[in-house]
C-alpha atoms as a PDB file:
ATOM      1  CA  MET A   1       3.967 -11.219 -15.794  1.00  0.00           C
ATOM      2  CA  LYS A   2       4.840  -8.164 -14.331  1.00  0.00           C
ATOM      3  CA  ILE A   3       6.454  -7.995 -11.153  1.00  0.00           C
ATOM      4  CA  MET A   4       5.109  -4.743  -9.045  1.00  0.00           C
ATOM      5  CA  LYS A   5       6.658  -3.616  -5.707  1.00  0.00           C
ATOM      6  CA  VAL A   6       5.019  -1.428  -3.252  1.00  0.00           C
ATOM      7  CA  LYS A   7       6.697   0.731  -0.256  1.00  0.00           C
ATOM      8  CA  ILE A   8       5.333   3.596   2.113  1.00  0.00           C
ATOM      9  CA  ASP A   9       7.067   6.257   3.204  1.00  0.00           C
ATOM     10  CA  PRO A  10       6.577   6.448   6.546  1.00  0.00           C
ATOM     11  CA  ASP A  11       7.205  10.053   6.681  1.00  0.00           C
ATOM     12  CA  LEU A  12       4.089  10.857   4.506  1.00  0.00           C
ATOM     13  CA  CYS A  13       1.786   8.016   5.980  1.00  0.00           C
ATOM     14  CA  THR A  14      -0.812  10.032   8.332  1.00  0.00           C
ATOM     15  CA  GLY A  15      -2.300   6.784   9.128  1.00  0.00           C
ATOM     16  CA  ASP A  16      -5.939   6.997   7.438  1.00  0.00           C
ATOM     17  CA  GLU A  17      -5.942   3.310   7.107  1.00  0.00           C
ATOM     18  CA  ILE A  18      -7.514   3.433   3.688  1.00  0.00           C
ATOM     19  CA  CYS A  19      -4.936   1.239   2.157  1.00  0.00           C
ATOM     20  CA  VAL A  20      -5.503  -1.320   4.678  1.00  0.00           C
ATOM     21  CA  GLN A  21      -9.156  -1.448   4.326  1.00  0.00           C
ATOM     22  CA  MET A  22      -9.046  -1.351   0.615  1.00  0.00           C
ATOM     23  CA  CYS A  23      -6.046  -4.228   0.520  1.00  0.00           C
ATOM     24  CA  PRO A  24      -5.509  -6.060   4.191  1.00  0.00           C
ATOM     25  CA  GLU A  25      -3.600  -8.640   2.379  1.00  0.00           C
ATOM     26  CA  VAL A  26      -0.686  -6.232   1.325  1.00  0.00           C
ATOM     27  CA  PHE A  27      -1.399  -3.292   3.860  1.00  0.00           C
ATOM     28  CA  GLU A  28      -1.134  -3.273   7.643  1.00  0.00           C
ATOM     29  CA  MET A  29      -1.288  -0.686  10.486  1.00  0.00           C
ATOM     30  CA  LYS A  30       1.757  -0.536  13.059  1.00  0.00           C
ATOM     31  CA  ASP A  31       2.343   2.581  15.168  1.00  0.00           C
ATOM     32  CA  ASP A  32      -0.150   4.442  13.836  1.00  0.00           C
ATOM     33  CA  LYS A  33       1.642   4.241  10.424  1.00  0.00           C
ATOM     34  CA  ALA A  34       0.537   1.718   7.528  1.00  0.00           C
ATOM     35  CA  ILE A  35       3.097  -1.107   7.134  1.00  0.00           C
ATOM     36  CA  VAL A  36       3.641  -3.293   3.696  1.00  0.00           C
ATOM     37  CA  LEU A  37       3.144  -7.046   4.738  1.00  0.00           C
ATOM     38  CA  GLN A  38       4.349  -8.296   1.116  1.00  0.00           C
ATOM     39  CA  GLU A  39       6.670  -5.948  -0.974  1.00  0.00           C
ATOM     40  CA  GLU A  40       5.961  -8.006  -3.997  1.00  0.00           C
ATOM     41  CA  VAL A  41       2.594  -7.696  -4.613  1.00  0.00           C
ATOM     42  CA  PRO A  42       0.897 -10.762  -6.176  1.00  0.00           C
ATOM     43  CA  GLN A  43      -1.299 -10.289  -9.783  1.00  0.00           C
ATOM     44  CA  ASP A  44      -4.545 -10.915  -8.320  1.00  0.00           C
ATOM     45  CA  LEU A  45      -3.740  -7.928  -5.613  1.00  0.00           C
ATOM     46  CA  GLN A  46      -2.112  -5.346  -8.018  1.00  0.00           C
ATOM     47  CA  ASP A  47      -5.534  -3.710  -9.035  1.00  0.00           C
ATOM     48  CA  SER A  48      -6.435  -2.930  -5.223  1.00  0.00           C
ATOM     49  CA  VAL A  49      -3.051  -1.590  -4.528  1.00  0.00           C
ATOM     50  CA  ARG A  50      -3.187   0.681  -7.468  1.00  0.00           C
ATOM     51  CA  GLU A  51      -6.895   1.649  -5.797  1.00  0.00           C
ATOM     52  CA  ALA A  52      -5.067   1.923  -2.533  1.00  0.00           C
ATOM     53  CA  THR A  53      -2.468   3.992  -3.770  1.00  0.00           C
ATOM     54  CA  ASP A  54      -5.124   6.485  -5.955  1.00  0.00           C
ATOM     55  CA  SER A  55      -6.784   6.920  -2.619  1.00  0.00           C
ATOM     56  CA  CYS A  56      -4.262   7.782  -0.518  1.00  0.00           C
ATOM     57  CA  PRO A  57      -4.491  11.246   0.790  1.00  0.00           C
ATOM     58  CA  SER A  58      -0.935  11.430   1.876  1.00  0.00           C
ATOM     59  CA  GLU A  59       0.701   9.897  -1.178  1.00  0.00           C
ATOM     60  CA  ALA A  60       2.744   7.856   0.873  1.00  0.00           C
ATOM     61  CA  ILE A  61       2.357   4.551  -1.154  1.00  0.00           C
ATOM     62  CA  ILE A  62       4.858   3.795  -3.777  1.00  0.00           C
ATOM     63  CA  ILE A  63       4.606   1.471  -6.456  1.00  0.00           C
ATOM     64  CA  GLU A  64       7.670   0.128  -8.533  1.00  0.00           C
ATOM     65  CA  GLU A  65       6.517  -1.449 -11.564  1.00  0.00           C
END
């Protein structure tokens, strides 16, 4: 099983909330910026995190595998 870690660059985040809508188990809004609730993404949420990353207009989500 591959471990996926996810981060958000707060300097790039524009607060569009797309990641929160797509994967609320991993992302949440705080002070108009997205934050990561779980840095290590469970296997069953990895596809949703990838989709959120691809959909982020500011490219603020960083995945490490």
